Amino acid sequence: MGFYFYLTIIIGVSLIYYGYVKKKDNELKMKEIELEEKKLELEIKKLDQDKTNRIL
């Protein structure tokens, strides 16, 4: 087996690993965005509840 064969294998494994790491980073960012969205929804509900309590 030649040098180029091993080089090709190393580059292929590196690209697969790089894709895996990027996928995990993107999933983490999506979960952070979902968490922020839920926090905002909770804050809006609290404000709506305060508003209805003031009216009553």
C-alpha atoms as a PDB file:
ATOM      1  CA  MET A   1       0.000   0.000   0.000  1.00  0.00           C
ATOM      2  CA  GLY A   2       1.326   3.327  -0.939  1.00  0.00           C
ATOM      3  CA  PHE A   3       1.697   6.635   0.784  1.00  0.00           C
ATOM      4  CA  TYR A   4      -1.240   8.106  -1.127  1.00  0.00           C
ATOM      5  CA  PHE A   5      -3.550   5.321   0.045  1.00  0.00           C
ATOM      6  CA  TYR A   6      -2.842   6.062   3.703  1.00  0.00           C
ATOM      7  CA  LEU A   7      -3.052   9.777   3.081  1.00  0.00           C
ATOM      8  CA  THR A   8      -6.478   9.301   1.461  1.00  0.00           C
ATOM      9  CA  ILE A   9      -7.680   7.204   4.419  1.00  0.00           C
ATOM     10  CA  ILE A  10      -6.480   9.810   6.937  1.00  0.00           C
ATOM     11  CA  ILE A  11      -8.127  12.655   5.020  1.00  0.00           C
ATOM     12  CA  GLY A  12     -11.381  10.687   4.724  1.00  0.00           C
ATOM     13  CA  VAL A  13     -11.506   9.932   8.443  1.00  0.00           C
ATOM     14  CA  SER A  14     -10.674  13.554   9.221  1.00  0.00           C
ATOM     15  CA  LEU A  15     -13.534  14.801   7.044  1.00  0.00           C
ATOM     16  CA  ILE A  16     -15.979  12.384   8.660  1.00  0.00           C
ATOM     17  CA  TYR A  17     -14.888  13.527  12.121  1.00  0.00           C
ATOM     18  CA  TYR A  18     -15.128  17.195  11.118  1.00  0.00           C
ATOM     19  CA  GLY A  19     -18.677  16.631   9.851  1.00  0.00           C
ATOM     20  CA  TYR A  20     -19.614  14.859  13.089  1.00  0.00           C
ATOM     21  CA  VAL A  21     -18.261  17.720  15.225  1.00  0.00           C
ATOM     22  CA  LYS A  22     -20.082  20.338  13.141  1.00  0.00           C
ATOM     23  CA  LYS A  23     -23.320  18.360  13.378  1.00  0.00           C
ATOM     24  CA  LYS A  24     -23.044  18.225  17.173  1.00  0.00           C
ATOM     25  CA  ASP A  25     -22.297  21.970  17.333  1.00  0.00           C
ATOM     26  CA  ASN A  26     -25.364  22.732  15.218  1.00  0.00           C
ATOM     27  CA  GLU A  27     -27.558  20.496  17.386  1.00  0.00           C
ATOM     28  CA  LEU A  28     -26.289  22.280  20.506  1.00  0.00           C
ATOM     29  CA  LYS A  29     -27.030  25.695  19.001  1.00  0.00           C
ATOM     30  CA  MET A  30     -30.545  24.572  18.042  1.00  0.00           C
ATOM     31  CA  LYS A  31     -31.199  23.365  21.591  1.00  0.00           C
ATOM     32  CA  GLU A  32     -29.930  26.683  22.985  1.00  0.00           C
ATOM     33  CA  ILE A  33     -32.268  28.572  20.644  1.00  0.00           C
ATOM     34  CA  GLU A  34     -35.202  26.368  21.689  1.00  0.00           C
ATOM     35  CA  LEU A  35     -34.389  27.034  25.341  1.00  0.00           C
ATOM     36  CA  GLU A  36     -34.321  30.785  24.747  1.00  0.00           C
ATOM     37  CA  GLU A  37     -37.648  30.535  22.925  1.00  0.00           C
ATOM     38  CA  LYS A  38     -39.206  28.685  25.877  1.00  0.00           C
ATOM     39  CA  LYS A  39     -37.823  31.314  28.272  1.00  0.00           C
ATOM     40  CA  LEU A  40     -39.413  34.056  26.194  1.00  0.00           C
ATOM     41  CA  GLU A  41     -42.753  32.242  26.075  1.00  0.00           C
ATOM     42  CA  LEU A  42     -42.664  31.836  29.855  1.00  0.00           C
ATOM     43  CA  GLU A  43     -41.883  35.526  30.332  1.00  0.00           C
ATOM     44  CA  ILE A  44     -44.758  36.486  28.018  1.00  0.00           C
ATOM     45  CA  LYS A  45     -47.129  34.257  30.001  1.00  0.00           C
ATOM     46  CA  LYS A  46     -45.982  35.868  33.244  1.00  0.00           C
ATOM     47  CA  LEU A  47     -46.567  39.335  31.829  1.00  0.00           C
ATOM     48  CA  ASP A  48     -50.022  38.350  30.555  1.00  0.00           C
ATOM     49  CA  GLN A  49     -50.912  36.931  33.942  1.00  0.00           C
ATOM     50  CA  ASP A  50     -49.738  40.128  35.676  1.00  0.00           C
ATOM     51  CA  LYS A  51     -51.823  42.139  33.232  1.00  0.00           C
ATOM     52  CA  THR A  52     -54.968  40.106  33.952  1.00  0.00           C
ATOM     53  CA  ASN A  53     -54.352  40.318  37.703  1.00  0.00           C
ATOM     54  CA  ARG A  54     -54.178  44.122  37.504  1.00  0.00           C
ATOM     55  CA  ILE A  55     -57.487  44.263  35.668  1.00  0.00           C
ATOM     56  CA  LEU A  56     -59.222  42.133  38.301  1.00  0.00           C
END
